[in-house]
Amino acid sequence: MSEQEKTVMEAKIIDLTNQQREKFGEFPLDYQPKLQEAARNKAESLIACECFSHNIGSVTPWDFIHKAD
C-alpha cells in the first residue's frame, strides 16, 4: 500500500469515527500527525510479531507515541 493510500484510508477512518461521535453528541477527533506515526509504527510492529496486543513484550502503546516525532 502506498503512502498516499495509507493517508486516504486513515482520513476515512477519522471521518467515519467522527460521524459516529457526532451521533452521540461527542466532539470530533482531530488529525494528529504524531499519533498517526505512532499508530503506523505500532501496526507494523504487530504485523512483524504476528500478534495482536496492547503491549508487544515490554513495549507499550505509550512507547510508540513517545518515539514518534
Protein backbone atom coordinates (compact mmCIF):
# COMPACT_ATOMS: atom_id res chain seq x y z
CA MET A 1 0.00 0.00 0.00
CA SER A 2 1.40 3.39 -0.96
CA GLU A 3 1.79 6.27 1.48
CA GLN A 4 -0.99 8.13 -0.32
CA GLU A 5 -3.34 5.14 0.03
CA LYS A 6 -2.49 4.87 3.74
CA THR A 7 -3.20 8.58 4.24
CA VAL A 8 -6.54 8.32 2.43
CA MET A 9 -7.53 5.27 4.49
CA GLU A 10 -6.54 6.96 7.75
CA ALA A 11 -8.55 10.07 6.84
CA LYS A 12 -11.56 7.87 6.08
CA ILE A 13 -11.25 6.14 9.47
CA ILE A 14 -11.19 9.51 11.25
CA ASP A 15 -14.17 10.68 9.19
CA LEU A 16 -16.23 7.56 9.95
CA THR A 17 -15.29 7.74 13.63
CA ASN A 18 -16.36 11.38 13.77
CA GLN A 19 -19.68 10.56 12.12
CA GLN A 20 -20.40 8.11 14.92
CA ARG A 21 -19.15 10.51 17.61
CA GLU A 22 -21.49 13.20 16.24
CA LYS A 23 -24.47 10.84 16.58
CA PHE A 24 -23.69 10.59 20.30
CA GLY A 25 -23.05 14.29 20.82
CA GLU A 26 -19.27 13.88 21.16
CA PHE A 27 -16.67 16.32 19.90
CA PRO A 28 -14.89 15.31 16.68
CA LEU A 29 -11.38 13.92 16.72
CA ASP A 30 -8.64 15.98 15.09
CA TYR A 31 -5.88 14.69 12.85
CA GLN A 32 -2.66 14.40 14.87
CA PRO A 33 0.49 13.64 12.80
CA LYS A 34 2.41 12.36 15.83
CA LEU A 35 -0.36 9.90 16.69
CA GLN A 36 -0.60 8.84 13.04
CA GLU A 37 3.12 8.00 13.05
CA ALA A 38 2.80 6.14 16.35
CA ALA A 39 -0.19 4.16 15.07
CA ARG A 40 1.60 3.20 11.87
CA ASN A 41 4.69 2.07 13.80
CA LYS A 42 2.53 0.07 16.19
CA ALA A 43 0.68 -1.59 13.29
CA GLU A 44 3.95 -2.51 11.58
CA SER A 45 5.25 -3.99 14.84
CA LEU A 46 2.09 -6.05 15.28
CA ILE A 47 2.47 -7.41 11.76
CA ALA A 48 6.14 -8.22 12.36
CA CYS A 49 5.44 -10.14 15.58
CA GLU A 50 2.28 -11.73 14.16
CA CYS A 51 0.40 -10.79 17.31
CA PHE A 52 -2.44 -8.53 18.39
CA SER A 53 -1.96 -6.97 21.79
CA HIS A 54 -1.74 -3.61 23.51
CA ASN A 55 1.81 -4.42 24.57
CA ILE A 56 4.46 -6.08 22.44
CA GLY A 57 6.72 -7.66 25.01
CA SER A 58 7.57 -4.80 27.33
CA VAL A 59 6.78 -2.11 24.72
CA THR A 60 3.55 -0.24 25.46
CA PRO A 61 1.43 1.95 23.17
CA TRP A 62 2.84 4.96 25.03
CA ASP A 63 6.34 3.96 23.92
CA PHE A 64 5.28 4.28 20.27
CA ILE A 65 3.82 7.72 20.99
CA HIS A 66 6.96 8.92 22.81
CA LYS A 67 9.18 7.68 19.96
CA ALA A 68 7.15 9.49 17.28
CA ASP A 69 8.47 12.82 16.03
